Amino acid sequence: MRQGGVHGDASSTSQITERMGASASSQVAERMGMSVDYAQKHRRHLIDAGVIQSAGRRKVAFAVPYLKEFLREELGE
């Protein structure tokens, strides 16, 4: 399973960019090959850091304006 760190944060946020709007936390975890438990901890870390925000029950979205577009450009997606 993939673990966090700086590159884990960038990778997980890029997984969110695969969908428009909010993404279900479980879908992000599945795309990244993470356990649901680890994904919950990682989700909390990203929310605490102000990178993502809750977007309804079990969904997340970017909290930083234009971050999705920046990551897509930087990651060549």
N, C-alpha and C. Protein backbone atom coordinates (compact mmCIF):
# COMPACT_ATOMS: atom_id res chain seq x y z
N MET A 1 0.82 -1.19 0.00
CA MET A 1 0.00 0.00 0.00
C MET A 1 0.86 1.24 0.00
N ARG A 2 0.40 2.26 -0.66
CA ARG A 2 1.11 3.52 -0.75
C ARG A 2 0.95 4.29 0.56
N GLN A 3 2.05 4.87 1.03
CA GLN A 3 2.01 5.65 2.25
C GLN A 3 2.19 7.12 1.93
N GLY A 4 1.99 7.97 2.92
CA GLY A 4 1.94 9.42 2.75
C GLY A 4 3.26 10.10 2.53
N GLY A 5 3.48 11.20 3.25
CA GLY A 5 4.64 12.04 3.03
C GLY A 5 4.30 13.11 2.01
N VAL A 6 5.27 13.93 1.69
CA VAL A 6 5.03 15.04 0.76
C VAL A 6 4.56 14.51 -0.58
N HIS A 7 5.23 13.50 -1.10
CA HIS A 7 4.83 12.96 -2.40
C HIS A 7 3.48 12.27 -2.32
N GLY A 8 3.18 11.67 -1.18
CA GLY A 8 1.87 11.06 -0.98
C GLY A 8 0.77 12.10 -1.03
N ASP A 9 1.01 13.27 -0.45
CA ASP A 9 0.02 14.34 -0.49
C ASP A 9 -0.25 14.77 -1.91
N ALA A 10 0.80 15.02 -2.68
CA ALA A 10 0.64 15.45 -4.07
C ALA A 10 -0.05 14.37 -4.89
N SER A 11 0.33 13.13 -4.64
CA SER A 11 -0.27 12.03 -5.37
C SER A 11 -1.74 11.88 -5.04
N SER A 12 -2.08 11.99 -3.77
CA SER A 12 -3.49 11.83 -3.40
C SER A 12 -4.32 12.99 -3.91
N THR A 13 -3.78 14.19 -3.89
CA THR A 13 -4.55 15.31 -4.42
C THR A 13 -4.72 15.17 -5.92
N SER A 14 -3.72 14.62 -6.59
CA SER A 14 -3.89 14.41 -8.03
C SER A 14 -4.95 13.37 -8.32
N GLN A 15 -5.12 12.40 -7.42
CA GLN A 15 -6.19 11.41 -7.59
C GLN A 15 -7.56 12.08 -7.55
N ILE A 16 -7.68 13.11 -6.72
CA ILE A 16 -8.95 13.83 -6.64
C ILE A 16 -9.23 14.55 -7.95
N THR A 17 -8.19 15.03 -8.63
CA THR A 17 -8.39 15.78 -9.87
C THR A 17 -8.94 14.93 -11.00
N GLU A 18 -8.90 13.61 -10.84
CA GLU A 18 -9.43 12.75 -11.89
C GLU A 18 -10.93 12.93 -12.08
N ARG A 19 -11.58 13.48 -11.09
CA ARG A 19 -13.02 13.70 -11.18
C ARG A 19 -13.30 15.18 -11.08
N MET A 20 -14.34 15.63 -11.70
CA MET A 20 -14.75 17.02 -11.56
C MET A 20 -15.52 17.15 -10.26
N GLY A 21 -15.34 18.25 -9.58
CA GLY A 21 -16.06 18.49 -8.34
C GLY A 21 -15.57 17.61 -7.22
N ALA A 22 -16.45 17.28 -6.31
CA ALA A 22 -16.09 16.51 -5.13
C ALA A 22 -15.88 15.04 -5.48
N SER A 23 -15.00 14.40 -4.74
CA SER A 23 -14.75 12.98 -4.90
C SER A 23 -15.08 12.25 -3.62
N ALA A 24 -15.60 11.06 -3.76
CA ALA A 24 -15.86 10.24 -2.58
C ALA A 24 -14.52 9.77 -2.02
N SER A 25 -14.35 9.90 -0.73
CA SER A 25 -13.10 9.50 -0.09
C SER A 25 -12.77 8.04 -0.38
N SER A 26 -13.76 7.18 -0.40
CA SER A 26 -13.52 5.76 -0.67
C SER A 26 -13.01 5.54 -2.09
N GLN A 27 -13.47 6.34 -3.04
CA GLN A 27 -13.00 6.21 -4.42
C GLN A 27 -11.55 6.66 -4.55
N VAL A 28 -11.19 7.74 -3.85
CA VAL A 28 -9.80 8.20 -3.86
C VAL A 28 -8.92 7.10 -3.27
N ALA A 29 -9.33 6.52 -2.15
CA ALA A 29 -8.56 5.45 -1.52
C ALA A 29 -8.39 4.27 -2.47
N GLU A 30 -9.45 3.89 -3.14
CA GLU A 30 -9.40 2.76 -4.07
C GLU A 30 -8.43 3.04 -5.22
N ARG A 31 -8.51 4.25 -5.81
CA ARG A 31 -7.62 4.60 -6.92
C ARG A 31 -6.16 4.60 -6.50
N MET A 32 -5.90 4.90 -5.22
CA MET A 32 -4.53 4.97 -4.73
C MET A 32 -4.06 3.65 -4.14
N GLY A 33 -4.93 2.67 -4.03
CA GLY A 33 -4.55 1.39 -3.45
C GLY A 33 -4.32 1.48 -1.95
N MET A 34 -5.02 2.38 -1.29
CA MET A 34 -4.91 2.57 0.17
C MET A 34 -6.01 1.80 0.87
N SER A 35 -5.73 1.42 2.11
CA SER A 35 -6.80 0.87 2.93
C SER A 35 -7.72 2.02 3.32
N VAL A 36 -8.95 1.72 3.63
CA VAL A 36 -9.91 2.74 4.04
C VAL A 36 -9.43 3.44 5.32
N ASP A 37 -8.86 2.66 6.24
CA ASP A 37 -8.36 3.23 7.48
C ASP A 37 -7.24 4.24 7.22
N TYR A 38 -6.28 3.87 6.40
CA TYR A 38 -5.18 4.80 6.10
C TYR A 38 -5.72 6.02 5.36
N ALA A 39 -6.64 5.82 4.45
CA ALA A 39 -7.22 6.94 3.69
C ALA A 39 -7.91 7.93 4.63
N GLN A 40 -8.59 7.43 5.66
CA GLN A 40 -9.25 8.31 6.63
C GLN A 40 -8.23 9.18 7.35
N LYS A 41 -7.11 8.59 7.75
CA LYS A 41 -6.04 9.34 8.43
C LYS A 41 -5.43 10.37 7.48
N HIS A 42 -5.19 9.97 6.26
CA HIS A 42 -4.62 10.87 5.26
C HIS A 42 -5.59 12.00 4.94
N ARG A 43 -6.86 11.68 4.83
CA ARG A 43 -7.90 12.69 4.59
C ARG A 43 -7.89 13.74 5.69
N ARG A 44 -7.82 13.28 6.94
CA ARG A 44 -7.80 14.20 8.08
C ARG A 44 -6.57 15.10 8.01
N HIS A 45 -5.42 14.54 7.66
CA HIS A 45 -4.18 15.31 7.53
C HIS A 45 -4.35 16.41 6.47
N LEU A 46 -4.91 16.08 5.32
CA LEU A 46 -5.09 17.06 4.25
C LEU A 46 -6.12 18.13 4.61
N ILE A 47 -7.15 17.74 5.34
CA ILE A 47 -8.15 18.73 5.81
C ILE A 47 -7.50 19.67 6.82
N ASP A 48 -6.76 19.10 7.78
CA ASP A 48 -6.08 19.93 8.78
C ASP A 48 -5.08 20.89 8.14
N ALA A 49 -4.47 20.48 7.05
CA ALA A 49 -3.49 21.31 6.34
C ALA A 49 -4.17 22.36 5.45
N GLY A 50 -5.50 22.26 5.30
CA GLY A 50 -6.24 23.22 4.48
C GLY A 50 -6.16 22.97 2.99
N VAL A 51 -5.74 21.77 2.60
CA VAL A 51 -5.61 21.43 1.18
C VAL A 51 -6.95 21.01 0.59
N ILE A 52 -7.69 20.20 1.35
CA ILE A 52 -9.01 19.77 0.92
C ILE A 52 -10.01 20.13 2.01
N GLN A 53 -11.28 20.02 1.66
CA GLN A 53 -12.34 20.29 2.64
C GLN A 53 -13.46 19.28 2.44
N SER A 54 -14.22 19.11 3.47
CA SER A 54 -15.37 18.23 3.37
C SER A 54 -16.37 18.84 2.39
N ALA A 55 -16.90 18.01 1.52
CA ALA A 55 -17.86 18.48 0.52
C ALA A 55 -19.14 17.67 0.61
N GLY A 56 -19.56 17.41 1.82
CA GLY A 56 -20.74 16.58 2.03
C GLY A 56 -20.32 15.26 2.63
N ARG A 57 -21.29 14.44 2.87
CA ARG A 57 -21.03 13.15 3.52
C ARG A 57 -20.05 12.30 2.73
N ARG A 58 -18.90 12.03 3.33
CA ARG A 58 -17.86 11.16 2.76
C ARG A 58 -17.29 11.67 1.44
N LYS A 59 -17.37 12.96 1.20
CA LYS A 59 -16.80 13.52 -0.02
C LYS A 59 -15.83 14.64 0.34
N VAL A 60 -14.86 14.84 -0.54
CA VAL A 60 -13.88 15.92 -0.36
C VAL A 60 -13.73 16.69 -1.65
N ALA A 61 -13.26 17.93 -1.50
CA ALA A 61 -12.98 18.79 -2.65
C ALA A 61 -11.80 19.67 -2.27
N PHE A 62 -11.15 20.24 -3.26
CA PHE A 62 -10.03 21.13 -3.00
C PHE A 62 -10.50 22.37 -2.25
N ALA A 63 -9.71 22.80 -1.28
CA ALA A 63 -10.01 24.00 -0.50
C ALA A 63 -9.23 25.20 -1.04
N VAL A 64 -8.12 24.95 -1.71
CA VAL A 64 -7.26 26.01 -2.22
C VAL A 64 -7.69 26.35 -3.65
N PRO A 65 -8.03 27.62 -3.90
CA PRO A 65 -8.44 27.99 -5.26
C PRO A 65 -7.35 27.66 -6.29
N TYR A 66 -7.76 27.11 -7.42
CA TYR A 66 -6.90 26.79 -8.56
C TYR A 66 -5.89 25.67 -8.29
N LEU A 67 -5.96 25.00 -7.16
CA LEU A 67 -5.02 23.92 -6.87
C LEU A 67 -5.19 22.77 -7.84
N LYS A 68 -6.42 22.43 -8.16
CA LYS A 68 -6.67 21.33 -9.09
C LYS A 68 -6.01 21.60 -10.44
N GLU A 69 -6.18 22.81 -10.95
CA GLU A 69 -5.59 23.16 -12.24
C GLU A 69 -4.06 23.15 -12.17
N PHE A 70 -3.51 23.66 -11.08
CA PHE A 70 -2.07 23.67 -10.89
C PHE A 70 -1.51 22.26 -10.88
N LEU A 71 -2.14 21.37 -10.11
CA LEU A 71 -1.65 19.99 -10.03
C LEU A 71 -1.75 19.28 -11.37
N ARG A 72 -2.82 19.50 -12.07
CA ARG A 72 -2.96 18.88 -13.40
C ARG A 72 -1.82 19.33 -14.32
N GLU A 73 -1.50 20.61 -14.28
CA GLU A 73 -0.42 21.13 -15.12
C GLU A 73 0.93 20.57 -14.67
N GLU A 74 1.20 20.60 -13.37
CA GLU A 74 2.48 20.14 -12.84
C GLU A 74 2.69 18.64 -13.05
N LEU A 75 1.63 17.87 -12.95
CA LEU A 75 1.73 16.42 -13.09
C LEU A 75 1.52 15.95 -14.53
N GLY A 76 1.34 16.93 -15.43
CA GLY A 76 1.20 16.59 -16.84
C GLY A 76 -0.07 15.83 -17.17
N GLU A 77 -1.15 16.13 -16.46
CA GLU A 77 -2.42 15.42 -16.69
C GLU A 77 -3.36 16.29 -17.49
